N, C-alpha and C. Protein backbone atom coordinates (compact mmCIF):
# COMPACT_ATOMS: atom_id res chain seq x y z
N MET A 1 0.83 -1.19 0.00
CA MET A 1 0.00 0.00 0.00
C MET A 1 0.87 1.25 0.00
N CYS A 2 1.86 1.29 0.87
CA CYS A 2 2.77 2.45 0.94
C CYS A 2 3.53 2.62 -0.35
N TRP A 3 3.93 1.47 -0.94
CA TRP A 3 4.68 1.55 -2.21
C TRP A 3 3.82 2.15 -3.30
N SER A 4 2.57 1.77 -3.36
CA SER A 4 1.65 2.30 -4.39
C SER A 4 1.43 3.79 -4.22
N ILE A 5 1.29 4.21 -2.98
CA ILE A 5 1.10 5.65 -2.73
C ILE A 5 2.35 6.43 -3.16
N ARG A 6 3.51 5.85 -2.89
CA ARG A 6 4.75 6.52 -3.27
C ARG A 6 4.88 6.66 -4.78
N VAL A 7 4.55 5.59 -5.51
CA VAL A 7 4.60 5.64 -6.98
C VAL A 7 3.62 6.67 -7.50
N TYR A 8 2.43 6.65 -6.93
CA TYR A 8 1.39 7.58 -7.37
C TYR A 8 1.84 9.03 -7.14
N TRP A 9 2.42 9.26 -5.97
CA TRP A 9 2.89 10.61 -5.66
C TRP A 9 4.01 11.06 -6.60
N THR A 10 4.93 10.14 -6.92
CA THR A 10 6.04 10.47 -7.83
C THR A 10 5.52 10.84 -9.21
N VAL A 11 4.57 10.04 -9.72
CA VAL A 11 4.00 10.33 -11.05
C VAL A 11 3.28 11.67 -11.04
N LEU A 12 2.50 11.90 -10.01
CA LEU A 12 1.77 13.16 -9.91
C LEU A 12 2.73 14.35 -9.83
N HIS A 13 3.80 14.16 -9.06
CA HIS A 13 4.80 15.22 -8.93
C HIS A 13 5.45 15.55 -10.26
N ASN A 14 5.82 14.52 -11.03
CA ASN A 14 6.44 14.74 -12.34
C ASN A 14 5.50 15.42 -13.31
N LEU A 15 4.24 14.97 -13.29
CA LEU A 15 3.24 15.60 -14.16
C LEU A 15 3.06 17.09 -13.82
N PHE A 16 3.03 17.36 -12.53
CA PHE A 16 2.85 18.75 -12.10
C PHE A 16 4.01 19.63 -12.56
N ILE A 17 5.25 19.10 -12.40
CA ILE A 17 6.43 19.86 -12.83
C ILE A 17 6.41 20.10 -14.33
N ARG A 18 6.08 19.05 -15.09
CA ARG A 18 6.03 19.18 -16.55
C ARG A 18 4.96 20.18 -16.98
N PHE A 19 3.81 20.09 -16.35
CA PHE A 19 2.71 20.98 -16.69
C PHE A 19 3.07 22.44 -16.36
N PHE A 20 3.68 22.63 -15.20
CA PHE A 20 4.08 23.98 -14.81
C PHE A 20 5.14 24.55 -15.75
N SER A 21 6.10 23.70 -16.16
CA SER A 21 7.15 24.14 -17.08
C SER A 21 6.57 24.56 -18.41
N ASN A 22 5.57 23.81 -18.89
CA ASN A 22 4.93 24.14 -20.17
C ASN A 22 4.21 25.48 -20.09
N ILE A 23 3.62 25.75 -18.93
CA ILE A 23 2.92 27.03 -18.76
C ILE A 23 3.91 28.19 -18.76
N VAL A 24 5.05 27.99 -18.09
CA VAL A 24 6.04 29.06 -17.98
C VAL A 24 6.61 29.42 -19.33
N CYS A 25 7.06 28.44 -20.10
CA CYS A 25 7.64 28.77 -21.40
C CYS A 25 7.68 27.55 -22.29
N THR A 26 6.99 27.60 -23.39
CA THR A 26 7.01 26.51 -24.35
C THR A 26 7.37 27.09 -25.70
N CYS A 27 8.51 26.73 -26.20
CA CYS A 27 8.95 27.22 -27.50
C CYS A 27 9.16 26.03 -28.41
N SER A 28 8.55 26.05 -29.51
CA SER A 28 8.76 24.97 -30.47
C SER A 28 9.09 25.57 -31.82
N TYR A 29 10.23 25.21 -32.35
CA TYR A 29 10.66 25.70 -33.66
C TYR A 29 10.57 24.55 -34.67
N SER A 30 10.03 24.82 -35.79
CA SER A 30 10.00 23.86 -36.90
C SER A 30 10.72 24.47 -38.08
N ASP A 31 11.16 23.65 -39.02
CA ASP A 31 11.89 24.15 -40.17
C ASP A 31 11.02 25.03 -41.05
N THR A 32 9.73 24.83 -41.00
CA THR A 32 8.85 25.56 -41.91
C THR A 32 8.26 26.80 -41.30
N THR A 33 7.80 26.72 -40.05
CA THR A 33 7.07 27.86 -39.47
C THR A 33 7.85 28.59 -38.42
N ARG A 34 8.65 27.87 -37.60
CA ARG A 34 9.43 28.44 -36.52
C ARG A 34 8.52 29.28 -35.61
N ILE A 35 7.45 28.66 -35.17
CA ILE A 35 6.48 29.36 -34.32
C ILE A 35 6.97 29.31 -32.88
N CYS A 36 6.83 30.43 -32.19
CA CYS A 36 7.24 30.50 -30.79
C CYS A 36 6.06 30.93 -29.94
N CYS A 37 5.65 30.07 -28.98
CA CYS A 37 4.58 30.40 -28.06
C CYS A 37 5.21 30.66 -26.71
N SER A 38 4.84 31.72 -26.08
CA SER A 38 5.46 32.05 -24.81
C SER A 38 4.50 32.84 -23.95
N CYS A 39 4.82 32.89 -22.68
CA CYS A 39 4.06 33.73 -21.76
C CYS A 39 4.88 34.96 -21.44
N CYS A 40 4.36 35.81 -20.58
CA CYS A 40 5.02 37.07 -20.26
C CYS A 40 6.24 36.87 -19.38
N CYS A 41 6.50 35.67 -18.92
CA CYS A 41 7.58 35.46 -17.95
C CYS A 41 8.88 35.01 -18.58
N CYS A 42 8.92 34.78 -19.89
CA CYS A 42 10.15 34.26 -20.50
C CYS A 42 10.61 35.15 -21.62
N GLY A 43 11.75 34.79 -22.19
CA GLY A 43 12.33 35.61 -23.24
C GLY A 43 12.07 35.08 -24.62
N CYS A 44 11.07 34.21 -24.77
CA CYS A 44 10.82 33.63 -26.09
C CYS A 44 10.34 34.67 -27.08
N CYS A 45 9.62 35.70 -26.59
CA CYS A 45 9.17 36.75 -27.50
C CYS A 45 10.36 37.43 -28.17
N LYS A 46 11.40 37.66 -27.35
CA LYS A 46 12.60 38.27 -27.91
C LYS A 46 13.25 37.35 -28.93
N CYS A 47 13.26 36.06 -28.63
CA CYS A 47 13.82 35.09 -29.57
C CYS A 47 13.07 35.15 -30.89
N TYR A 48 11.76 35.22 -30.79
CA TYR A 48 10.94 35.24 -32.00
C TYR A 48 11.19 36.51 -32.81
N LYS A 49 11.31 37.65 -32.11
CA LYS A 49 11.54 38.91 -32.83
C LYS A 49 12.88 38.89 -33.54
N HIS A 50 13.91 38.37 -32.87
CA HIS A 50 15.21 38.29 -33.52
C HIS A 50 15.18 37.34 -34.71
N GLN A 51 14.45 36.24 -34.55
CA GLN A 51 14.32 35.31 -35.67
C GLN A 51 13.57 35.97 -36.82
N GLN A 52 12.53 36.75 -36.48
CA GLN A 52 11.76 37.45 -37.52
C GLN A 52 12.64 38.46 -38.24
N MET A 53 13.47 39.17 -37.50
CA MET A 53 14.39 40.13 -38.10
C MET A 53 15.33 39.44 -39.07
N ARG A 54 15.85 38.26 -38.65
CA ARG A 54 16.78 37.52 -39.49
C ARG A 54 16.11 37.06 -40.78
N ASN A 55 14.88 36.57 -40.66
CA ASN A 55 14.16 36.09 -41.84
C ASN A 55 13.87 37.23 -42.81
N LEU A 56 13.44 38.39 -42.29
CA LEU A 56 13.13 39.52 -43.16
C LEU A 56 14.37 40.03 -43.87
N SER A 57 15.48 40.09 -43.15
CA SER A 57 16.70 40.59 -43.76
C SER A 57 17.19 39.65 -44.85
N GLU A 58 16.97 38.35 -44.67
CA GLU A 58 17.37 37.39 -45.70
C GLU A 58 16.46 37.48 -46.91
N ASP A 59 15.18 37.86 -46.70
CA ASP A 59 14.23 37.89 -47.81
C ASP A 59 14.43 39.09 -48.71
N ASP A 60 14.46 40.30 -48.14
CA ASP A 60 14.47 41.48 -49.00
C ASP A 60 15.56 42.48 -48.68
N GLY A 61 16.30 42.32 -47.61
CA GLY A 61 17.39 43.22 -47.29
C GLY A 61 16.96 44.62 -46.92
N GLU A 62 15.66 44.83 -46.58
CA GLU A 62 15.17 46.17 -46.29
C GLU A 62 14.69 46.30 -44.86
N TYR A 63 15.00 45.39 -44.01
CA TYR A 63 14.50 45.42 -42.63
C TYR A 63 15.28 46.44 -41.83
N ASP A 64 14.56 47.27 -41.11
CA ASP A 64 15.17 48.31 -40.28
C ASP A 64 14.88 48.02 -38.82
N PRO A 65 15.87 47.55 -38.03
CA PRO A 65 15.61 47.19 -36.63
C PRO A 65 15.18 48.38 -35.80
N VAL A 66 15.57 49.59 -36.17
CA VAL A 66 15.16 50.76 -35.40
C VAL A 66 13.68 51.00 -35.56
N GLU A 67 13.16 50.90 -36.82
CA GLU A 67 11.75 51.15 -37.07
C GLU A 67 10.88 50.05 -36.50
N ASN A 68 11.41 48.84 -36.31
CA ASN A 68 10.62 47.73 -35.80
C ASN A 68 10.75 47.57 -34.29
N GLY A 69 11.35 48.52 -33.62
CA GLY A 69 11.31 48.57 -32.16
C GLY A 69 12.28 47.64 -31.46
N LEU A 70 13.27 47.09 -32.14
CA LEU A 70 14.23 46.22 -31.47
C LEU A 70 15.34 47.05 -30.85
N ASN A 71 15.86 46.55 -29.75
CA ASN A 71 16.91 47.29 -29.05
C ASN A 71 18.24 47.10 -29.76
N LEU A 72 18.95 48.23 -29.98
CA LEU A 72 20.29 48.18 -30.53
C LEU A 72 21.24 48.67 -29.46
N ASN A 73 22.49 48.23 -29.55
CA ASN A 73 23.45 48.78 -28.61
C ASN A 73 23.77 50.21 -28.99
N SER A 74 24.37 50.94 -28.09
CA SER A 74 24.57 52.38 -28.27
C SER A 74 25.45 52.69 -29.46
N ASN A 75 26.46 51.86 -29.75
CA ASN A 75 27.35 52.11 -30.88
C ASN A 75 26.62 51.99 -32.20
N GLU A 76 25.81 50.92 -32.35
CA GLU A 76 25.07 50.73 -33.59
C GLU A 76 24.07 51.86 -33.80
N LEU A 77 23.36 52.24 -32.76
CA LEU A 77 22.38 53.30 -32.87
C LEU A 77 23.04 54.62 -33.23
N HIS A 78 24.18 54.91 -32.60
CA HIS A 78 24.90 56.15 -32.89
C HIS A 78 25.38 56.19 -34.33
N GLN A 79 25.88 55.04 -34.85
CA GLN A 79 26.36 54.98 -36.22
C GLN A 79 25.24 55.24 -37.21
N GLN A 80 24.05 54.62 -36.96
CA GLN A 80 22.92 54.82 -37.86
C GLN A 80 22.45 56.27 -37.86
N GLN A 81 22.34 56.86 -36.66
CA GLN A 81 21.89 58.24 -36.57
C GLN A 81 22.89 59.18 -37.22
N THR A 82 24.20 58.93 -36.98
CA THR A 82 25.23 59.77 -37.57
C THR A 82 25.22 59.69 -39.08
N SER A 83 25.03 58.46 -39.60
CA SER A 83 24.98 58.27 -41.05
C SER A 83 23.84 59.04 -41.67
N ARG A 84 22.66 58.97 -41.04
CA ARG A 84 21.49 59.68 -41.58
C ARG A 84 21.69 61.19 -41.51
N ILE A 85 22.24 61.69 -40.40
CA ILE A 85 22.45 63.13 -40.24
C ILE A 85 23.45 63.64 -41.27
N GLN A 86 24.54 62.90 -41.48
CA GLN A 86 25.54 63.32 -42.46
C GLN A 86 24.96 63.33 -43.86
N HIS A 87 24.15 62.36 -44.18
CA HIS A 87 23.54 62.30 -45.51
C HIS A 87 22.63 63.50 -45.75
N ASP A 88 21.79 63.81 -44.73
CA ASP A 88 20.91 64.96 -44.85
C ASP A 88 21.71 66.25 -44.97
N TYR A 89 22.80 66.34 -44.20
CA TYR A 89 23.59 67.57 -44.21
C TYR A 89 24.21 67.81 -45.57
N VAL A 90 24.70 66.75 -46.21
CA VAL A 90 25.32 66.90 -47.52
C VAL A 90 24.32 67.42 -48.53
N ILE A 91 23.09 66.86 -48.49
CA ILE A 91 22.07 67.30 -49.43
C ILE A 91 21.74 68.77 -49.21
N VAL A 92 21.50 69.12 -47.96
CA VAL A 92 21.16 70.51 -47.66
C VAL A 92 22.31 71.43 -48.03
N ASP A 93 23.55 70.97 -47.74
CA ASP A 93 24.72 71.78 -48.06
C ASP A 93 24.84 72.00 -49.55
N ASP A 94 24.58 70.97 -50.37
CA ASP A 94 24.62 71.12 -51.82
C ASP A 94 23.61 72.13 -52.31
N ILE A 95 22.39 72.07 -51.73
CA ILE A 95 21.35 73.00 -52.12
C ILE A 95 21.75 74.43 -51.77
N ASP A 96 22.28 74.62 -50.56
CA ASP A 96 22.71 75.94 -50.13
C ASP A 96 23.81 76.48 -51.03
N ALA A 97 24.71 75.61 -51.45
CA ALA A 97 25.81 76.04 -52.31
C ALA A 97 25.30 76.54 -53.65
N ASN A 98 24.28 75.87 -54.21
CA ASN A 98 23.71 76.29 -55.48
C ASN A 98 23.07 77.68 -55.37
N TYR A 99 22.32 77.91 -54.29
CA TYR A 99 21.70 79.22 -54.09
C TYR A 99 22.76 80.30 -53.91
N LEU A 100 23.87 79.96 -53.26
CA LEU A 100 24.94 80.92 -53.06
C LEU A 100 25.56 81.33 -54.38
N GLN A 101 25.75 80.38 -55.29
CA GLN A 101 26.30 80.69 -56.60
C GLN A 101 25.37 81.60 -57.39
N ILE A 102 24.07 81.33 -57.31
CA ILE A 102 23.09 82.17 -58.00
C ILE A 102 23.14 83.59 -57.47
N GLU A 103 23.25 83.72 -56.13
CA GLU A 103 23.28 85.04 -55.52
C GLU A 103 24.51 85.83 -55.98
N LYS A 104 25.66 85.17 -56.06
CA LYS A 104 26.88 85.85 -56.47
C LYS A 104 26.82 86.31 -57.92
N ARG A 105 26.10 85.60 -58.77
CA ARG A 105 26.02 85.94 -60.18
C ARG A 105 24.76 86.72 -60.51
N LYS A 106 24.07 87.20 -59.50
CA LYS A 106 22.75 87.79 -59.71
C LYS A 106 22.78 88.98 -60.65
N ILE A 107 23.80 89.82 -60.58
CA ILE A 107 23.84 91.02 -61.41
C ILE A 107 23.83 90.67 -62.89
N GLU A 108 24.35 89.53 -63.25
CA GLU A 108 24.39 89.14 -64.66
C GLU A 108 23.03 88.68 -65.17
N THR A 109 22.07 88.52 -64.30
CA THR A 109 20.71 88.16 -64.72
C THR A 109 19.78 89.37 -64.74
N GLU A 110 20.30 90.53 -64.35
CA GLU A 110 19.49 91.74 -64.32
C GLU A 110 19.31 92.33 -65.72
N PRO A 111 18.19 93.01 -65.98
CA PRO A 111 17.96 93.60 -67.31
C PRO A 111 18.94 94.71 -67.65
N PHE A 112 19.57 95.33 -66.66
CA PHE A 112 20.52 96.41 -66.92
C PHE A 112 21.94 95.89 -67.16
N TYR A 113 22.14 94.57 -67.11
CA TYR A 113 23.46 94.01 -67.39
C TYR A 113 23.55 93.66 -68.87
N ARG A 114 24.60 94.15 -69.53
CA ARG A 114 24.78 93.90 -70.96
C ARG A 114 26.22 93.47 -71.25
N THR A 115 26.36 92.45 -72.06
CA THR A 115 27.70 91.99 -72.46
C THR A 115 28.12 92.76 -73.71
N ILE A 116 28.56 93.99 -73.49
CA ILE A 116 28.90 94.90 -74.59
C ILE A 116 30.18 95.66 -74.24
N ASP A 117 30.70 96.43 -75.23
CA ASP A 117 31.89 97.23 -74.98
C ASP A 117 31.49 98.68 -74.67
N ARG A 118 32.48 99.52 -74.49
CA ARG A 118 32.23 100.91 -74.09
C ARG A 118 31.46 101.69 -75.15
N ALA A 119 31.86 101.55 -76.38
CA ALA A 119 31.21 102.31 -77.45
C ALA A 119 29.73 101.93 -77.59
N THR A 120 29.44 100.65 -77.53
CA THR A 120 28.05 100.20 -77.63
C THR A 120 27.23 100.68 -76.43
N ALA A 121 27.84 100.69 -75.27
CA ALA A 121 27.15 101.17 -74.07
C ALA A 121 26.77 102.64 -74.23
N GLU A 122 27.67 103.46 -74.76
CA GLU A 122 27.38 104.88 -74.95
C GLU A 122 26.28 105.09 -75.98
N ASP A 123 26.26 104.26 -77.02
CA ASP A 123 25.19 104.36 -78.02
C ASP A 123 23.83 104.06 -77.40
N ILE A 124 23.78 103.07 -76.53
CA ILE A 124 22.52 102.69 -75.89
C ILE A 124 22.04 103.78 -74.92
N LEU A 125 22.96 104.42 -74.21
CA LEU A 125 22.59 105.39 -73.18
C LEU A 125 22.34 106.80 -73.71
N LEU A 126 22.87 107.12 -74.86
CA LEU A 126 22.80 108.48 -75.40
C LEU A 126 21.37 108.99 -75.50
N GLY A 127 21.15 110.20 -74.96
CA GLY A 127 19.85 110.86 -75.05
C GLY A 127 18.85 110.42 -74.00
N ARG A 128 19.22 109.54 -73.11
CA ARG A 128 18.29 109.09 -72.07
C ARG A 128 18.32 110.04 -70.87
N GLU A 129 17.46 109.75 -69.91
CA GLU A 129 17.34 110.56 -68.71
C GLU A 129 18.64 110.57 -67.92
N ASP A 130 18.93 111.70 -67.26
CA ASP A 130 20.14 111.81 -66.45
C ASP A 130 20.19 110.71 -65.39
N GLY A 131 21.33 110.06 -65.29
CA GLY A 131 21.52 108.99 -64.32
C GLY A 131 21.25 107.60 -64.88
N THR A 132 20.77 107.55 -66.14
CA THR A 132 20.53 106.24 -66.76
C THR A 132 21.85 105.48 -66.85
N CYS A 133 21.81 104.21 -66.50
CA CYS A 133 23.06 103.44 -66.45
C CYS A 133 22.84 101.99 -66.84
N LEU A 134 23.93 101.33 -67.11
CA LEU A 134 23.94 99.88 -67.32
C LEU A 134 25.25 99.34 -66.76
N VAL A 135 25.29 98.05 -66.56
CA VAL A 135 26.49 97.37 -66.06
C VAL A 135 27.00 96.44 -67.15
N ARG A 136 28.29 96.48 -67.36
CA ARG A 136 28.91 95.62 -68.37
C ARG A 136 30.17 94.98 -67.79
N PRO A 137 30.64 93.90 -68.40
CA PRO A 137 31.84 93.23 -67.87
C PRO A 137 33.10 94.04 -68.16
N TYR A 138 34.08 93.88 -67.33
CA TYR A 138 35.39 94.49 -67.55
C TYR A 138 36.21 93.52 -68.39
N LYS A 139 36.61 93.95 -69.57
CA LYS A 139 37.22 93.05 -70.54
C LYS A 139 38.66 92.68 -70.22
N GLU A 140 39.37 93.59 -69.56
CA GLU A 140 40.78 93.33 -69.29
C GLU A 140 40.94 92.35 -68.12
N THR A 141 42.13 91.76 -68.03
CA THR A 141 42.42 90.84 -66.93
C THR A 141 42.85 91.63 -65.70
N ASP A 142 42.04 91.55 -64.66
CA ASP A 142 42.34 92.26 -63.42
C ASP A 142 41.74 91.48 -62.26
N ILE A 143 42.51 91.31 -61.20
CA ILE A 143 42.04 90.49 -60.09
C ILE A 143 41.02 91.22 -59.22
N SER A 144 40.94 92.55 -59.36
CA SER A 144 40.01 93.30 -58.50
C SER A 144 38.83 93.90 -59.26
N ILE A 145 39.05 94.37 -60.47
CA ILE A 145 37.96 95.01 -61.23
C ILE A 145 37.12 93.94 -61.91
N LYS A 146 35.83 93.90 -61.59
CA LYS A 146 34.94 92.87 -62.10
C LYS A 146 33.98 93.40 -63.17
N TYR A 147 33.44 94.60 -62.94
CA TYR A 147 32.44 95.16 -63.85
C TYR A 147 32.68 96.66 -63.99
N ILE A 148 31.96 97.26 -64.96
CA ILE A 148 31.97 98.71 -65.14
C ILE A 148 30.53 99.19 -65.19
N VAL A 149 30.25 100.28 -64.47
CA VAL A 149 28.94 100.93 -64.55
C VAL A 149 29.08 102.11 -65.50
N SER A 150 28.36 102.06 -66.61
CA SER A 150 28.36 103.16 -67.58
C SER A 150 27.13 104.03 -67.33
N ILE A 151 27.35 105.34 -67.15
CA ILE A 151 26.28 106.26 -66.75
C ILE A 151 26.23 107.43 -67.73
N TYR A 152 25.01 107.88 -68.01
CA TYR A 152 24.82 109.04 -68.89
C TYR A 152 24.08 110.14 -68.14
N ALA A 153 24.57 111.40 -68.31
CA ALA A 153 23.88 112.57 -67.75
C ALA A 153 24.43 113.84 -68.40
N GLN A 154 23.55 114.72 -68.80
CA GLN A 154 23.91 116.04 -69.34
C GLN A 154 24.95 115.95 -70.46
N GLN A 155 24.69 115.08 -71.40
CA GLN A 155 25.56 114.89 -72.56
C GLN A 155 26.96 114.38 -72.21
N GLU A 156 27.08 113.83 -71.02
CA GLU A 156 28.36 113.28 -70.59
C GLU A 156 28.21 111.79 -70.22
N PHE A 157 29.32 111.08 -70.38
CA PHE A 157 29.35 109.66 -70.00
C PHE A 157 30.36 109.46 -68.87
N PHE A 158 29.99 108.58 -67.96
CA PHE A 158 30.85 108.22 -66.84
C PHE A 158 30.97 106.69 -66.79
N HIS A 159 32.19 106.22 -66.64
CA HIS A 159 32.43 104.78 -66.60
C HIS A 159 33.18 104.46 -65.29
N LEU A 160 32.46 103.89 -64.35
CA LEU A 160 33.00 103.65 -63.01
C LEU A 160 33.23 102.16 -62.78
N PHE A 161 34.38 101.85 -62.19
CA PHE A 161 34.71 100.45 -61.88
C PHE A 161 33.85 99.93 -60.73
N ILE A 162 33.53 98.64 -60.79
CA ILE A 162 33.06 97.90 -59.62
C ILE A 162 34.21 96.98 -59.22
N ARG A 163 34.79 97.25 -58.06
CA ARG A 163 35.97 96.53 -57.61
C ARG A 163 35.65 95.56 -56.49
N GLN A 164 36.36 94.44 -56.50
CA GLN A 164 36.29 93.52 -55.37
C GLN A 164 37.44 93.82 -54.43
N ILE A 165 37.12 93.96 -53.14
CA ILE A 165 38.15 94.26 -52.15
C ILE A 165 39.06 93.05 -52.00
N LYS A 166 40.35 93.27 -52.01
CA LYS A 166 41.33 92.19 -52.01
C LYS A 166 41.14 91.27 -50.80
N GLY A 167 41.02 89.99 -51.08
CA GLY A 167 40.92 88.99 -50.03
C GLY A 167 39.59 88.95 -49.32
N GLN A 168 38.58 89.65 -49.83
CA GLN A 168 37.28 89.69 -49.17
C GLN A 168 36.15 89.55 -50.19
N GLU A 169 35.00 89.12 -49.70
CA GLU A 169 33.81 89.05 -50.55
C GLU A 169 33.02 90.35 -50.42
N LEU A 170 33.70 91.47 -50.67
CA LEU A 170 33.09 92.79 -50.60
C LEU A 170 33.42 93.56 -51.86
N PHE A 171 32.56 94.54 -52.20
CA PHE A 171 32.73 95.29 -53.44
C PHE A 171 32.59 96.79 -53.17
N ALA A 172 33.22 97.59 -54.04
CA ALA A 172 33.12 99.05 -53.96
C ALA A 172 33.05 99.60 -55.38
N ILE A 173 32.63 100.87 -55.52
CA ILE A 173 32.49 101.47 -56.83
C ILE A 173 33.47 102.62 -56.99
N GLY A 174 33.99 102.79 -58.22
CA GLY A 174 34.91 103.89 -58.52
C GLY A 174 36.34 103.59 -58.10
N GLN A 175 37.18 104.64 -58.19
CA GLN A 175 38.57 104.51 -57.78
C GLN A 175 38.65 104.31 -56.26
N GLU A 176 39.68 103.62 -55.83
CA GLU A 176 39.85 103.38 -54.39
C GLU A 176 40.06 104.69 -53.65
N LYS A 177 39.39 104.84 -52.53
CA LYS A 177 39.45 106.07 -51.76
C LYS A 177 39.28 105.77 -50.28
N ALA A 178 39.66 106.72 -49.45
CA ALA A 178 39.56 106.53 -48.01
C ALA A 178 38.10 106.50 -47.57
N ASN A 179 37.80 105.64 -46.61
CA ASN A 179 36.45 105.55 -46.03
C ASN A 179 35.37 105.26 -47.07
N GLU A 180 35.71 104.51 -48.09
CA GLU A 180 34.70 104.18 -49.10
C GLU A 180 33.72 103.15 -48.56
N LYS A 181 32.55 103.13 -49.17
CA LYS A 181 31.49 102.23 -48.72
C LYS A 181 31.64 100.88 -49.40
N TYR A 182 31.48 99.81 -48.61
CA TYR A 182 31.58 98.45 -49.13
C TYR A 182 30.19 97.82 -49.23
N PHE A 183 30.07 96.90 -50.20
CA PHE A 183 28.80 96.21 -50.43
C PHE A 183 29.05 94.71 -50.54
N ASN A 184 28.03 93.94 -50.22
CA ASN A 184 28.16 92.48 -50.26
C ASN A 184 28.18 91.94 -51.69
N THR A 185 27.46 92.59 -52.60
CA THR A 185 27.41 92.14 -54.00
C THR A 185 27.41 93.35 -54.91
N PRO A 186 27.81 93.20 -56.18
CA PRO A 186 27.70 94.30 -57.13
C PRO A 186 26.27 94.81 -57.29
N ASN A 187 25.32 93.90 -57.21
CA ASN A 187 23.93 94.30 -57.35
C ASN A 187 23.50 95.24 -56.21
N ASP A 188 24.08 95.05 -55.02
CA ASP A 188 23.77 95.93 -53.89
C ASP A 188 24.22 97.37 -54.16
N ILE A 189 25.28 97.52 -54.92
CA ILE A 189 25.77 98.86 -55.26
C ILE A 189 24.73 99.61 -56.09
N ILE A 190 24.23 98.95 -57.12
CA ILE A 190 23.22 99.59 -57.98
C ILE A 190 21.97 99.91 -57.18
N GLU A 191 21.54 98.99 -56.37
CA GLU A 191 20.32 99.19 -55.58
C GLU A 191 20.48 100.36 -54.61
N PHE A 192 21.64 100.47 -53.99
CA PHE A 192 21.87 101.55 -53.02
C PHE A 192 21.84 102.92 -53.69
N TYR A 193 22.51 103.04 -54.85
CA TYR A 193 22.60 104.35 -55.50
C TYR A 193 21.39 104.66 -56.38
N LYS A 194 20.41 103.81 -56.37
CA LYS A 194 19.10 104.17 -56.94
C LYS A 194 18.36 105.11 -55.99
N HIS A 195 18.77 105.12 -54.73
CA HIS A 195 18.09 105.93 -53.72
C HIS A 195 19.04 106.90 -53.00
N ASN A 196 20.31 106.86 -53.37
CA ASN A 196 21.30 107.73 -52.74
C ASN A 196 22.19 108.38 -53.80
N ILE A 197 22.76 109.52 -53.46
CA ILE A 197 23.57 110.28 -54.40
C ILE A 197 24.93 109.61 -54.62
N LEU A 198 25.31 109.50 -55.91
CA LEU A 198 26.62 108.98 -56.29
C LEU A 198 27.38 110.08 -57.02
N GLN A 199 28.59 110.35 -56.59
CA GLN A 199 29.40 111.35 -57.26
C GLN A 199 30.10 110.71 -58.45
N CYS A 200 29.82 111.24 -59.64
CA CYS A 200 30.37 110.70 -60.89
C CYS A 200 31.31 111.74 -61.49
N THR A 201 32.53 111.30 -61.82
CA THR A 201 33.55 112.23 -62.31
C THR A 201 34.21 111.67 -63.56
N ASN A 202 34.39 112.55 -64.56
CA ASN A 202 35.22 112.22 -65.73
C ASN A 202 36.20 113.37 -65.97
N LYS A 203 36.84 113.41 -67.11
CA LYS A 203 37.85 114.44 -67.36
C LYS A 203 37.24 115.83 -67.55
N GLN A 204 35.95 115.89 -67.89
CA GLN A 204 35.32 117.17 -68.16
C GLN A 204 34.57 117.75 -66.96
N CYS A 205 33.92 116.89 -66.16
CA CYS A 205 33.08 117.42 -65.08
C CYS A 205 32.85 116.39 -63.98
N SER A 206 32.17 116.86 -62.94
CA SER A 206 31.78 115.99 -61.83
C SER A 206 30.32 116.29 -61.49
N LEU A 207 29.50 115.23 -61.41
CA LEU A 207 28.07 115.39 -61.14
C LEU A 207 27.64 114.46 -60.02
N ASN A 208 26.66 114.91 -59.26
CA ASN A 208 26.04 114.06 -58.25
C ASN A 208 24.73 113.51 -58.82
N LEU A 209 24.65 112.20 -58.93
CA LEU A 209 23.53 111.58 -59.63
C LEU A 209 22.90 110.46 -58.82
N VAL A 210 21.63 110.21 -59.12
CA VAL A 210 20.95 109.01 -58.64
C VAL A 210 20.84 108.07 -59.83
N LEU A 211 21.24 106.82 -59.66
CA LEU A 211 21.27 105.87 -60.78
C LEU A 211 19.87 105.44 -61.20
N ARG A 212 19.71 105.31 -62.52
CA ARG A 212 18.45 104.82 -63.09
C ARG A 212 18.79 103.68 -64.06
N PRO A 213 18.89 102.46 -63.57
CA PRO A 213 19.25 101.33 -64.44
C PRO A 213 18.25 101.17 -65.58
N ILE A 214 18.77 100.89 -66.77
CA ILE A 214 17.89 100.72 -67.93
C ILE A 214 17.11 99.41 -67.80
N ILE A 215 15.94 99.40 -68.41
CA ILE A 215 15.12 98.20 -68.43
C ILE A 215 15.15 97.58 -69.82
N VAL A 216 15.06 98.45 -70.86
CA VAL A 216 15.12 97.97 -72.25
C VAL A 216 16.15 98.78 -73.00
């Protein structure tokens, strides 16, 4: 009788342990499905997620562990974030560089800019309103003189240099002089003297004029 009770108790004990173990965590992987069943007390869910990540990466190569909520170590996460930031920065930097080039060349897109010589400029300006002007390129090789402003007033012509200040992204108009005004672009010079007096001097006379850039 005692022996039977002991056997019965042993069997019951083993069944209880097996049943409890199955409740705690039961993971079964097959070659075809690799299904993982688990409760909240074990790490089988993590196993399944890692397995899912591996399968997806093998299938299409487009799996992103960050977007799918898996934990990455700090080095991997930092590398991914740095890579994305650098990529975005390069694109933005390229765009900014293009706009900067356009800004620097802006005067050449203005209607008062003409690719002509001195004689042609005087023919175009002759007989127009005092202060009428246009901008043309400086034909000679010079590291500082970039353009010439040709101006007409009172039957006289004035041809003033637009100079780039040595070693700087600044510009000035006319011959170099003390306390001269600097501008960020050649176009800023024309815009400023549309509303302010510019002293224009040639061999015959000197006049104070407000610039009137030609349109046609």
